[in-house]
């Protein structure tokens, strides 16, 4: 719809650099992304929830790229029992994000490991 995109990058614990954690990768991905944007601001600080199937860290940012303002929902979904985690990014226009926040969040939270 050109108003939102969802990107997923999956990782295995075994691929982590020595001494790094999934949260380190989450922070590195965010730093890389927002280093390429302007007027970056935190809309909602990162929070972490321990859920039955995974640990979820999420934050919401506003930033501009090429003069266009977007919201960026940044998520870390950590499946410790499967030694797998994902960095998920929602990119959306602010109005689309606000109007569809629950649906976008539910899409991200539907991520699951299949065996």
PDB file of N, CA and C in Angstrom:
ATOM      1  N   UNK A   1       0.822  -1.212   0.000  1.00  0.00           N
ATOM      2  CA  UNK A   1       0.000   0.000   0.000  1.00  0.00           C
ATOM      3  C   UNK A   1       0.858   1.264   0.000  1.00  0.00           C
ATOM      4  N   UNK A   2       2.167   1.100   0.005  1.00  0.00           N
ATOM      5  CA  UNK A   2       3.118   2.215   0.025  1.00  0.00           C
ATOM      6  C   UNK A   2       2.999   3.108   1.253  1.00  0.00           C
ATOM      7  N   UNK A   3       2.246   2.668   2.253  1.00  0.00           N
ATOM      8  CA  UNK A   3       2.143   3.422   3.498  1.00  0.00           C
ATOM      9  C   UNK A   3       2.812   2.707   4.649  1.00  0.00           C
ATOM     10  N   UNK A   4       3.130   1.419   4.457  1.00  0.00           N
ATOM     11  CA  UNK A   4       3.811   0.680   5.514  1.00  0.00           C
ATOM     12  C   UNK A   4       4.581  -0.501   4.935  1.00  0.00           C
ATOM     13  N   UNK A   5       5.643  -0.855   5.632  1.00  0.00           N
ATOM     14  CA  UNK A   5       6.477  -1.997   5.271  1.00  0.00           C
ATOM     15  C   UNK A   5       6.888  -2.694   6.558  1.00  0.00           C
ATOM     16  N   UNK A   6       7.051  -3.999   6.468  1.00  0.00           N
ATOM     17  CA  UNK A   6       7.575  -4.759   7.600  1.00  0.00           C
ATOM     18  C   UNK A   6       8.777  -5.549   7.112  1.00  0.00           C
ATOM     19  N   UNK A   7       9.890  -5.376   7.813  1.00  0.00           N
ATOM     20  CA  UNK A   7      11.119  -6.098   7.495  1.00  0.00           C
ATOM     21  C   UNK A   7      11.452  -7.015   8.663  1.00  0.00           C
ATOM     22  N   UNK A   8      11.923  -8.215   8.345  1.00  0.00           N
ATOM     23  CA  UNK A   8      12.296  -9.184   9.377  1.00  0.00           C
ATOM     24  C   UNK A   8      13.700  -9.695   9.076  1.00  0.00           C
ATOM     25  N   UNK A   9      14.565  -9.613  10.069  1.00  0.00           N
ATOM     26  CA  UNK A   9      15.911 -10.180   9.971  1.00  0.00           C
ATOM     27  C   UNK A   9      16.045 -11.211  11.081  1.00  0.00           C
ATOM     28  N   UNK A  10      16.209 -12.472  10.697  1.00  0.00           N
ATOM     29  CA  UNK A  10      16.299 -13.565  11.674  1.00  0.00           C
ATOM     30  C   UNK A  10      17.752 -13.944  11.906  1.00  0.00           C
ATOM     31  N   UNK A  11      18.037 -14.324  13.142  1.00  0.00           N
ATOM     32  CA  UNK A  11      19.394 -14.685  13.557  1.00  0.00           C
ATOM     33  C   UNK A  11      19.347 -15.935  14.420  1.00  0.00           C
ATOM     34  N   UNK A  12      20.449 -16.675  14.438  1.00  0.00           N
ATOM     35  CA  UNK A  12      20.644 -17.793  15.361  1.00  0.00           C
ATOM     36  C   UNK A  12      21.655 -17.362  16.409  1.00  0.00           C
ATOM     37  N   UNK A  13      21.489 -17.826  17.635  1.00  0.00           N
ATOM     38  CA  UNK A  13      22.450 -17.496  18.688  1.00  0.00           C
ATOM     39  C   UNK A  13      23.868 -17.867  18.269  1.00  0.00           C
ATOM     40  N   UNK A  14      24.020 -18.995  17.574  1.00  0.00           N
ATOM     41  CA  UNK A  14      25.337 -19.458  17.167  1.00  0.00           C
ATOM     42  C   UNK A  14      26.055 -18.518  16.211  1.00  0.00           C
ATOM     43  N   UNK A  15      25.313 -17.602  15.595  1.00  0.00           N
ATOM     44  CA  UNK A  15      25.901 -16.639  14.658  1.00  0.00           C
ATOM     45  C   UNK A  15      26.285 -15.324  15.325  1.00  0.00           C
ATOM     46  N   UNK A  16      25.991 -15.195  16.620  1.00  0.00           N
ATOM     47  CA  UNK A  16      26.331 -13.961  17.334  1.00  0.00           C
ATOM     48  C   UNK A  16      27.847 -13.820  17.463  1.00  0.00           C
ATOM     49  N   UNK A  17      28.353 -12.600  17.269  1.00  0.00           N
ATOM     50  CA  UNK A  17      29.771 -12.371  17.560  1.00  0.00           C
ATOM     51  C   UNK A  17      30.043 -12.661  19.036  1.00  0.00           C
ATOM     52  N   UNK A  18      31.257 -13.053  19.346  1.00  0.00           N
ATOM     53  CA  UNK A  18      31.641 -13.382  20.711  1.00  0.00           C
ATOM     54  C   UNK A  18      31.296 -12.246  21.674  1.00  0.00           C
ATOM     55  N   UNK A  19      30.630 -12.588  22.761  1.00  0.00           N
ATOM     56  CA  UNK A  19      30.294 -11.604  23.788  1.00  0.00           C
ATOM     57  C   UNK A  19      29.063 -10.762  23.485  1.00  0.00           C
ATOM     58  N   UNK A  20      28.402 -10.981  22.348  1.00  0.00           N
ATOM     59  CA  UNK A  20      27.220 -10.185  21.985  1.00  0.00           C
ATOM     60  C   UNK A  20      25.941 -10.945  22.321  1.00  0.00           C
ATOM     61  N   UNK A  21      24.890 -10.193  22.608  1.00  0.00           N
ATOM     62  CA  UNK A  21      23.583 -10.747  22.932  1.00  0.00           C
ATOM     63  C   UNK A  21      22.571 -10.313  21.866  1.00  0.00           C
ATOM     64  N   UNK A  22      21.391 -10.921  21.839  1.00  0.00           N
ATOM     65  CA  UNK A  22      20.363 -10.437  20.922  1.00  0.00           C
ATOM     66  C   UNK A  22      20.063  -8.948  21.123  1.00  0.00           C
ATOM     67  N   UNK A  23      20.061  -8.483  22.365  1.00  0.00           N
ATOM     68  CA  UNK A  23      19.798  -7.063  22.610  1.00  0.00           C
ATOM     69  C   UNK A  23      20.898  -6.182  22.003  1.00  0.00           C
ATOM     70  N   UNK A  24      22.143  -6.651  22.019  1.00  0.00           N
ATOM     71  CA  UNK A  24      23.228  -5.903  21.361  1.00  0.00           C
ATOM     72  C   UNK A  24      22.955  -5.764  19.869  1.00  0.00           C
ATOM     73  N   UNK A  25      22.486  -6.837  19.238  1.00  0.00           N
ATOM     74  CA  UNK A  25      22.192  -6.802  17.803  1.00  0.00           C
ATOM     75  C   UNK A  25      21.031  -5.853  17.537  1.00  0.00           C
ATOM     76  N   UNK A  26      20.015  -5.897  18.381  1.00  0.00           N
ATOM     77  CA  UNK A  26      18.873  -4.966  18.278  1.00  0.00           C
ATOM     78  C   UNK A  26      19.374  -3.520  18.318  1.00  0.00           C
ATOM     79  N   UNK A  27      20.221  -3.219  19.294  1.00  0.00           N
ATOM     80  CA  UNK A  27      20.766  -1.867  19.417  1.00  0.00           C
ATOM     81  C   UNK A  27      21.610  -1.490  18.197  1.00  0.00           C
ATOM     82  N   UNK A  28      22.429  -2.433  17.715  1.00  0.00           N
ATOM     83  CA  UNK A  28      23.275  -2.159  16.543  1.00  0.00           C
ATOM     84  C   UNK A  28      22.429  -1.907  15.294  1.00  0.00           C
ATOM     85  N   UNK A  29      21.365  -2.682  15.106  1.00  0.00           N
ATOM     86  CA  UNK A  29      20.491  -2.490  13.951  1.00  0.00           C
ATOM     87  C   UNK A  29      19.821  -1.118  14.011  1.00  0.00           C
ATOM     88  N   UNK A  30      19.354  -0.746  15.207  1.00  0.00           N
ATOM     89  CA  UNK A  30      18.718   0.566  15.356  1.00  0.00           C
ATOM     90  C   UNK A  30      19.718   1.691  15.112  1.00  0.00           C
ATOM     91  N   UNK A  31      20.919   1.568  15.667  1.00  0.00           N
ATOM     92  CA  UNK A  31      21.943   2.605  15.465  1.00  0.00           C
ATOM     93  C   UNK A  31      22.291   2.758  13.993  1.00  0.00           C
ATOM     94  N   UNK A  32      22.411   1.635  13.290  1.00  0.00           N
ATOM     95  CA  UNK A  32      22.714   1.688  11.860  1.00  0.00           C
ATOM     96  C   UNK A  32      21.590   2.380  11.093  1.00  0.00           C
ATOM     97  N   UNK A  33      20.358   1.987  11.361  1.00  0.00           N
ATOM     98  CA  UNK A  33      19.207   2.572  10.675  1.00  0.00           C
ATOM     99  C   UNK A  33      19.104   4.072  10.935  1.00  0.00           C
ATOM    100  N   UNK A  34      19.124   4.453  12.218  1.00  0.00           N
ATOM    101  CA  UNK A  34      18.885   5.852  12.537  1.00  0.00           C
ATOM    102  C   UNK A  34      20.095   6.734  12.279  1.00  0.00           C
ATOM    103  N   UNK A  35      21.245   6.129  12.074  1.00  0.00           N
ATOM    104  CA  UNK A  35      22.407   6.884  11.623  1.00  0.00           C
ATOM    105  C   UNK A  35      22.248   7.364  10.186  1.00  0.00           C
ATOM    106  N   UNK A  36      21.293   6.759   9.478  1.00  0.00           N
ATOM    107  CA  UNK A  36      21.026   7.112   8.075  1.00  0.00           C
ATOM    108  C   UNK A  36      19.755   7.949   7.938  1.00  0.00           C
ATOM    109  N   UNK A  37      19.223   8.419   9.041  1.00  0.00           N
ATOM    110  CA  UNK A  37      18.008   9.236   9.047  1.00  0.00           C
ATOM    111  C   UNK A  37      18.301  10.576   9.719  1.00  0.00           C
ATOM    112  N   UNK A  38      17.395  11.535   9.532  1.00  0.00           N
ATOM    113  CA  UNK A  38      17.520  12.835  10.177  1.00  0.00           C
ATOM    114  C   UNK A  38      16.314  13.053  11.082  1.00  0.00           C
ATOM    115  N   UNK A  39      16.450  14.037  11.953  1.00  0.00           N
ATOM    116  CA  UNK A  39      15.358  14.410  12.868  1.00  0.00           C
ATOM    117  C   UNK A  39      14.786  13.198  13.602  1.00  0.00           C
ATOM    118  N   UNK A  40      15.673  12.373  14.111  1.00  0.00           N
ATOM    119  CA  UNK A  40      15.268  11.166  14.827  1.00  0.00           C
ATOM    120  C   UNK A  40      14.794  11.543  16.227  1.00  0.00           C
ATOM    121  N   UNK A  41      13.639  11.033  16.615  1.00  0.00           N
ATOM    122  CA  UNK A  41      13.156  11.232  17.976  1.00  0.00           C
ATOM    123  C   UNK A  41      12.485   9.950  18.466  1.00  0.00           C
ATOM    124  N   UNK A  42      12.550   9.757  19.767  1.00  0.00           N
ATOM    125  CA  UNK A  42      11.928   8.597  20.391  1.00  0.00           C
ATOM    126  C   UNK A  42      10.489   8.969  20.732  1.00  0.00           C
ATOM    127  N   UNK A  43       9.558   8.236  20.175  1.00  0.00           N
ATOM    128  CA  UNK A  43       8.139   8.447  20.482  1.00  0.00           C
ATOM    129  C   UNK A  43       7.767   7.625  21.723  1.00  0.00           C
ATOM    130  N   UNK A  44       8.229   6.365  21.748  1.00  0.00           N
ATOM    131  CA  UNK A  44       8.003   5.482  22.890  1.00  0.00           C
ATOM    132  C   UNK A  44       9.304   4.755  23.186  1.00  0.00           C
ATOM    133  N   UNK A  45       9.809   4.921  24.412  1.00  0.00           N
ATOM    134  CA  UNK A  45      11.055   4.257  24.815  1.00  0.00           C
ATOM    135  C   UNK A  45      10.909   2.740  24.751  1.00  0.00           C
ATOM    136  N   UNK A  46      12.041   2.074  24.617  1.00  0.00           N
ATOM    137  CA  UNK A  46      12.050   0.611  24.558  1.00  0.00           C
ATOM    138  C   UNK A  46      11.522   0.015  25.862  1.00  0.00           C
ATOM    139  N   UNK A  47      10.650  -0.955  25.702  1.00  0.00           N
ATOM    140  CA  UNK A  47      10.136  -1.732  26.821  1.00  0.00           C
ATOM    141  C   UNK A  47      10.306  -3.209  26.478  1.00  0.00           C
ATOM    142  N   UNK A  48      10.411  -4.034  27.509  1.00  0.00           N
ATOM    143  CA  UNK A  48      10.571  -5.474  27.300  1.00  0.00           C
ATOM    144  C   UNK A  48       9.513  -6.217  28.097  1.00  0.00           C
ATOM    145  N   UNK A  49       8.906  -7.208  27.433  1.00  0.00           N
ATOM    146  CA  UNK A  49       7.906  -8.055  28.070  1.00  0.00           C
ATOM    147  C   UNK A  49       8.339  -9.512  27.919  1.00  0.00           C
ATOM    148  N   UNK A  50       8.222 -10.272  28.989  1.00  0.00           N
ATOM    149  CA  UNK A  50       8.447 -11.712  28.922  1.00  0.00           C
ATOM    150  C   UNK A  50       7.101 -12.379  28.676  1.00  0.00           C
ATOM    151  N   UNK A  51       6.928 -12.898  27.476  1.00  0.00           N
ATOM    152  CA  UNK A  51       5.685 -13.555  27.099  1.00  0.00           C
ATOM    153  C   UNK A  51       5.926 -15.067  27.068  1.00  0.00           C
ATOM    154  N   UNK A  52       4.871 -15.869  27.084  1.00  0.00           N
ATOM    155  CA  UNK A  52       5.059 -17.323  27.130  1.00  0.00           C
ATOM    156  C   UNK A  52       5.921 -17.881  25.991  1.00  0.00           C
ATOM    157  N   UNK A  53       5.752 -17.370  24.789  1.00  0.00           N
ATOM    158  CA  UNK A  53       6.460 -17.939  23.647  1.00  0.00           C
ATOM    159  C   UNK A  53       7.780 -17.246  23.319  1.00  0.00           C
ATOM    160  N   UNK A  54       7.982 -16.018  23.801  1.00  0.00           N
ATOM    161  CA  UNK A  54       9.206 -15.267  23.508  1.00  0.00           C
ATOM    162  C   UNK A  54       9.316 -14.055  24.413  1.00  0.00           C
ATOM    163  N   UNK A  55      10.469 -13.397  24.306  1.00  0.00           N
ATOM    164  CA  UNK A  55      10.680 -12.119  24.984  1.00  0.00           C
ATOM    165  C   UNK A  55      10.588 -11.034  23.917  1.00  0.00           C
ATOM    166  N   UNK A  56       9.801 -10.012  24.173  1.00  0.00           N
ATOM    167  CA  UNK A  56       9.538  -8.963  23.193  1.00  0.00           C
ATOM    168  C   UNK A  56      10.056  -7.623  23.704  1.00  0.00           C
ATOM    169  N   UNK A  57      10.942  -7.006  22.928  1.00  0.00           N
ATOM    170  CA  UNK A  57      11.408  -5.642  23.195  1.00  0.00           C
ATOM    171  C   UNK A  57      10.893  -4.780  22.050  1.00  0.00           C
ATOM    172  N   UNK A  58      10.345  -3.613  22.377  1.00  0.00           N
ATOM    173  CA  UNK A  58       9.805  -2.754  21.327  1.00  0.00           C
ATOM    174  C   UNK A  58       9.994  -1.282  21.661  1.00  0.00           C
ATOM    175  N   UNK A  59      10.144  -0.498  20.604  1.00  0.00           N
ATOM    176  CA  UNK A  59      10.261   0.957  20.737  1.00  0.00           C
ATOM    177  C   UNK A  59       9.679   1.587  19.479  1.00  0.00           C
ATOM    178  N   UNK A  60       9.308   2.847  19.592  1.00  0.00           N
ATOM    179  CA  UNK A  60       8.763   3.571  18.443  1.00  0.00           C
ATOM    180  C   UNK A  60       9.539   4.867  18.262  1.00  0.00           C
ATOM    181  N   UNK A  61       9.957   5.102  17.023  1.00  0.00           N
ATOM    182  CA  UNK A  61      10.746   6.275  16.671  1.00  0.00           C
ATOM    183  C   UNK A  61      10.062   7.039  15.548  1.00  0.00           C
ATOM    184  N   UNK A  62      10.406   8.296  15.435  1.00  0.00           N
ATOM    185  CA  UNK A  62      10.043   9.131  14.298  1.00  0.00           C
ATOM    186  C   UNK A  62      11.348   9.608  13.676  1.00  0.00           C
ATOM    187  N   UNK A  63      11.417   9.601  12.358  1.00  0.00           N
ATOM    188  CA  UNK A  63      12.625  10.071  11.678  1.00  0.00           C
ATOM    189  C   UNK A  63      12.275  10.426  10.236  1.00  0.00           C
ATOM    190  N   UNK A  64      13.194  11.145   9.614  1.00  0.00           N
ATOM    191  CA  UNK A  64      12.998  11.542   8.224  1.00  0.00           C
ATOM    192  C   UNK A  64      14.073  10.945   7.338  1.00  0.00           C
ATOM    193  N   UNK A  65      13.665  10.618   6.127  1.00  0.00           N
ATOM    194  CA  UNK A  65      14.598  10.180   5.089  1.00  0.00           C
ATOM    195  C   UNK A  65      14.180  10.870   3.800  1.00  0.00           C
ATOM    196  N   UNK A  66      15.117  11.552   3.194  1.00  0.00           N
ATOM    197  CA  UNK A  66      14.847  12.294   1.956  1.00  0.00           C
ATOM    198  C   UNK A  66      13.651  13.229   2.107  1.00  0.00           C
ATOM    199  N   UNK A  67      13.524  13.840   3.291  1.00  0.00           N
ATOM    200  CA  UNK A  67      12.472  14.820   3.534  1.00  0.00           C
ATOM    201  C   UNK A  67      11.120  14.231   3.880  1.00  0.00           C
ATOM    202  N   UNK A  68      11.025  12.895   3.947  1.00  0.00           N
ATOM    203  CA  UNK A  68       9.758  12.243   4.271  1.00  0.00           C
ATOM    204  C   UNK A  68       9.807  11.719   5.694  1.00  0.00           C
ATOM    205  N   UNK A  69       8.801  12.073   6.489  1.00  0.00           N
ATOM    206  CA  UNK A  69       8.727  11.629   7.882  1.00  0.00           C
ATOM    207  C   UNK A  69       8.016  10.283   7.954  1.00  0.00           C
ATOM    208  N   UNK A  70       8.604   9.378   8.714  1.00  0.00           N
ATOM    209  CA  UNK A  70       8.010   8.074   8.959  1.00  0.00           C
ATOM    210  C   UNK A  70       8.097   7.741  10.436  1.00  0.00           C
ATOM    211  N   UNK A  71       7.266   6.801  10.835  1.00  0.00           N
ATOM    212  CA  UNK A  71       7.389   6.165  12.136  1.00  0.00           C
ATOM    213  C   UNK A  71       8.094   4.831  11.908  1.00  0.00           C
ATOM    214  N   UNK A  72       8.899   4.448  12.886  1.00  0.00           N
ATOM    215  CA  UNK A  72       9.630   3.194  12.827  1.00  0.00           C
ATOM    216  C   UNK A  72       9.363   2.424  14.109  1.00  0.00           C
ATOM    217  N   UNK A  73       8.627   1.338  14.001  1.00  0.00           N
ATOM    218  CA  UNK A  73       8.418   0.442  15.130  1.00  0.00           C
ATOM    219  C   UNK A  73       9.517  -0.598  15.096  1.00  0.00           C
ATOM    220  N   UNK A  74      10.371  -0.596  16.104  1.00  0.00           N
ATOM    221  CA  UNK A  74      11.521  -1.496  16.154  1.00  0.00           C
ATOM    222  C   UNK A  74      11.270  -2.560  17.220  1.00  0.00           C
ATOM    223  N   UNK A  75      11.402  -3.826  16.815  1.00  0.00           N
ATOM    224  CA  UNK A  75      11.094  -4.952  17.699  1.00  0.00           C
ATOM    225  C   UNK A  75      12.246  -5.946  17.743  1.00  0.00           C
ATOM    226  N   UNK A  76      12.479  -6.497  18.905  1.00  0.00           N
ATOM    227  CA  UNK A  76      13.344  -7.653  19.070  1.00  0.00           C
ATOM    228  C   UNK A  76      12.462  -8.760  19.616  1.00  0.00           C
ATOM    229  N   UNK A  77      12.386  -9.859  18.879  1.00  0.00           N
ATOM    230  CA  UNK A  77      11.628 -11.016  19.322  1.00  0.00           C
ATOM    231  C   UNK A  77      12.637 -12.128  19.549  1.00  0.00           C
ATOM    232  N   UNK A  78      12.789 -12.506  20.806  1.00  0.00           N
ATOM    233  CA  UNK A  78      13.817 -13.459  21.207  1.00  0.00           C
ATOM    234  C   UNK A  78      13.157 -14.772  21.648  1.00  0.00           C
ATOM    235  N   UNK A  79      13.539 -15.857  20.963  1.00  0.00           N
ATOM    236  CA  UNK A  79      13.055 -17.202  21.272  1.00  0.00           C
ATOM    237  C   UNK A  79      14.199 -17.977  21.906  1.00  0.00           C
ATOM    238  N   UNK A  80      14.488 -17.771  23.208  1.00  0.00           N
ATOM    239  CA  UNK A  80      15.669 -18.391  23.816  1.00  0.00           C
ATOM    240  C   UNK A  80      15.674 -19.914  23.747  1.00  0.00           C
ATOM    241  N   UNK A  81      14.518 -20.545  23.878  1.00  0.00           N
ATOM    242  CA  UNK A  81      14.483 -22.009  23.837  1.00  0.00           C
ATOM    243  C   UNK A  81      14.926 -22.545  22.482  1.00  0.00           C
ATOM    244  N   UNK A  82      14.720 -21.769  21.432  1.00  0.00           N
ATOM    245  CA  UNK A  82      15.108 -22.182  20.079  1.00  0.00           C
ATOM    246  C   UNK A  82      16.428 -21.546  19.643  1.00  0.00           C
ATOM    247  N   UNK A  83      17.027 -20.753  20.543  1.00  0.00           N
ATOM    248  CA  UNK A  83      18.278 -20.054  20.242  1.00  0.00           C
ATOM    249  C   UNK A  83      18.186 -19.273  18.934  1.00  0.00           C
ATOM    250  N   UNK A  84      17.063 -18.583  18.786  1.00  0.00           N
ATOM    251  CA  UNK A  84      16.763 -17.802  17.591  1.00  0.00           C
ATOM    252  C   UNK A  84      16.149 -16.473  18.019  1.00  0.00           C
ATOM    253  N   UNK A  85      16.428 -15.431  17.254  1.00  0.00           N
ATOM    254  CA  UNK A  85      15.797 -14.140  17.512  1.00  0.00           C
ATOM    255  C   UNK A  85      15.635 -13.385  16.208  1.00  0.00           C
ATOM    256  N   UNK A  86      14.788 -12.378  16.229  1.00  0.00           N
ATOM    257  CA  UNK A  86      14.539 -11.578  15.031  1.00  0.00           C
ATOM    258  C   UNK A  86      14.479 -10.105  15.397  1.00  0.00           C
ATOM    259  N   UNK A  87      15.041  -9.298  14.514  1.00  0.00           N
ATOM    260  CA  UNK A  87      14.856  -7.846  14.574  1.00  0.00           C
ATOM    261  C   UNK A  87      13.800  -7.538  13.530  1.00  0.00           C
ATOM    262  N   UNK A  88      12.715  -6.920  13.956  1.00  0.00           N
ATOM    263  CA  UNK A  88      11.599  -6.613  13.063  1.00  0.00           C
ATOM    264  C   UNK A  88      11.418  -5.104  13.048  1.00  0.00           C
ATOM    265  N   UNK A  89      11.234  -4.576  11.845  1.00  0.00           N
ATOM    266  CA  UNK A  89      11.056  -3.134  11.698  1.00  0.00           C
ATOM    267  C   UNK A  89       9.791  -2.850  10.908  1.00  0.00           C
ATOM    268  N   UNK A  90       8.913  -2.051  11.503  1.00  0.00           N
ATOM    269  CA  UNK A  90       7.751  -1.527  10.787  1.00  0.00           C
ATOM    270  C   UNK A  90       8.096  -0.104  10.384  1.00  0.00           C
ATOM    271  N   UNK A  91       7.962   0.188   9.114  1.00  0.00           N
ATOM    272  CA  UNK A  91       8.136   1.542   8.607  1.00  0.00           C
ATOM    273  C   UNK A  91       6.783   1.982   8.056  1.00  0.00           C
ATOM    274  N   UNK A  92       6.281   3.112   8.540  1.00  0.00           N
ATOM    275  CA  UNK A  92       4.955   3.565   8.108  1.00  0.00           C
ATOM    276  C   UNK A  92       4.843   5.075   8.222  1.00  0.00           C
ATOM    277  N   UNK A  93       3.945   5.628   7.432  1.00  0.00           N
ATOM    278  CA  UNK A  93       3.644   7.040   7.612  1.00  0.00           C
ATOM    279  C   UNK A  93       3.021   7.181   9.005  1.00  0.00           C
ATOM    280  N   UNK A  94       3.240   8.321   9.653  1.00  0.00           N
ATOM    281  CA  UNK A  94       2.687   8.469  11.008  1.00  0.00           C
ATOM    282  C   UNK A  94       1.175   8.227  11.087  1.00  0.00           C
ATOM    283  N   UNK A  95       0.421   8.756  10.144  1.00  0.00           N
ATOM    284  CA  UNK A  95      -1.036   8.594  10.200  1.00  0.00           C
ATOM    285  C   UNK A  95      -1.444   7.138   9.999  1.00  0.00           C
ATOM    286  N   UNK A  96      -0.772   6.437   9.084  1.00  0.00           N
ATOM    287  CA  UNK A  96      -1.094   5.031   8.862  1.00  0.00           C
ATOM    288  C   UNK A  96      -0.738   4.212  10.091  1.00  0.00           C
ATOM    289  N   UNK A  97       0.434   4.483  10.686  1.00  0.00           N
ATOM    290  CA  UNK A  97       0.836   3.748  11.876  1.00  0.00           C
ATOM    291  C   UNK A  97      -0.185   3.925  12.988  1.00  0.00           C
ATOM    292  N   UNK A  98      -0.565   5.160  13.255  1.00  0.00           N
ATOM    293  CA  UNK A  98      -1.509   5.431  14.346  1.00  0.00           C
ATOM    294  C   UNK A  98      -2.870   4.789  14.079  1.00  0.00           C
ATOM    295  N   UNK A  99      -3.315   4.822  12.836  1.00  0.00           N
ATOM    296  CA  UNK A  99      -4.619   4.241  12.492  1.00  0.00           C
ATOM    297  C   UNK A  99      -4.617   2.719  12.529  1.00  0.00           C
ATOM    298  N   UNK A 100      -3.446   2.115  12.352  1.00  0.00           N
ATOM    299  CA  UNK A 100      -3.351   0.655  12.230  1.00  0.00           C
ATOM    300  C   UNK A 100      -2.400   0.044  13.254  1.00  0.00           C
ATOM    301  N   UNK A 101      -2.143   0.766  14.309  1.00  0.00           N
ATOM    302  CA  UNK A 101      -1.170   0.344  15.325  1.00  0.00           C
ATOM    303  C   UNK A 101      -1.425  -1.077  15.832  1.00  0.00           C
ATOM    304  N   UNK A 102      -2.640  -1.375  16.224  1.00  0.00           N
ATOM    305  CA  UNK A 102      -2.937  -2.681  16.793  1.00  0.00           C
ATOM    306  C   UNK A 102      -2.725  -3.802  15.757  1.00  0.00           C
ATOM    307  N   UNK A 103      -3.174  -3.587  14.536  1.00  0.00           N
ATOM    308  CA  UNK A 103      -3.002  -4.586  13.483  1.00  0.00           C
ATOM    309  C   UNK A 103      -1.532  -4.821  13.198  1.00  0.00           C
ATOM    310  N   UNK A 104      -0.752  -3.757  13.077  1.00  0.00           N
ATOM    311  CA  UNK A 104       0.680  -3.897  12.822  1.00  0.00           C
ATOM    312  C   UNK A 104       1.363  -4.640  13.965  1.00  0.00           C
ATOM    313  N   UNK A 105       1.027  -4.276  15.191  1.00  0.00           N
ATOM    314  CA  UNK A 105       1.591  -4.946  16.362  1.00  0.00           C
ATOM    315  C   UNK A 105       1.230  -6.437  16.363  1.00  0.00           C
ATOM    316  N   UNK A 106      -0.018  -6.756  16.040  1.00  0.00           N
ATOM    317  CA  UNK A 106      -0.447  -8.150  16.010  1.00  0.00           C
ATOM    318  C   UNK A 106       0.275  -8.946  14.926  1.00  0.00           C
ATOM    319  N   UNK A 107       0.563  -8.324  13.807  1.00  0.00           N
ATOM    320  CA  UNK A 107       1.311  -8.998  12.742  1.00  0.00           C
ATOM    321  C   UNK A 107       2.694  -9.352  13.253  1.00  0.00           C
ATOM    322  N   UNK A 108       3.364  -8.384  13.871  1.00  0.00           N
ATOM    323  CA  UNK A 108       4.701  -8.633  14.399  1.00  0.00           C
ATOM    324  C   UNK A 108       4.656  -9.732  15.458  1.00  0.00           C
ATOM    325  N   UNK A 109       3.694  -9.658  16.345  1.00  0.00           N
ATOM    326  CA  UNK A 109       3.620 -10.615  17.454  1.00  0.00           C
ATOM    327  C   UNK A 109       3.167 -12.002  17.020  1.00  0.00           C
ATOM    328  N   UNK A 110       2.756 -12.144  15.768  1.00  0.00           N
ATOM    329  CA  UNK A 110       2.374 -13.471  15.267  1.00  0.00           C
ATOM    330  C   UNK A 110       3.587 -14.265  14.792  1.00  0.00           C
ATOM    331  N   UNK A 111       4.750 -13.648  14.813  1.00  0.00           N
ATOM    332  CA  UNK A 111       5.973 -14.341  14.425  1.00  0.00           C
ATOM    333  C   UNK A 111       6.164 -15.560  15.305  1.00  0.00           C
ATOM    334  N   UNK A 112       6.476 -16.689  14.665  1.00  0.00           N
ATOM    335  CA  UNK A 112       6.631 -17.939  15.417  1.00  0.00           C
ATOM    336  C   UNK A 112       7.722 -18.780  14.761  1.00  0.00           C
ATOM    337  N   UNK A 113       8.290 -19.658  15.553  1.00  0.00           N
ATOM    338  CA  UNK A 113       9.273 -20.615  15.067  1.00  0.00           C
ATOM    339  C   UNK A 113       8.520 -21.878  14.657  1.00  0.00           C
ATOM    340  N   UNK A 114       8.742 -22.342  13.451  1.00  0.00           N
ATOM    341  CA  UNK A 114       8.156 -23.607  13.020  1.00  0.00           C
ATOM    342  C   UNK A 114       9.249 -24.660  12.961  1.00  0.00           C
ATOM    343  N   UNK A 115       8.916 -25.837  13.364  1.00  0.00           N
ATOM    344  CA  UNK A 115       9.895 -26.924  13.403  1.00  0.00           C
ATOM    345  C   UNK A 115       9.521 -28.042  12.476  1.00  0.00           C
TER     346      UNK A 115
END
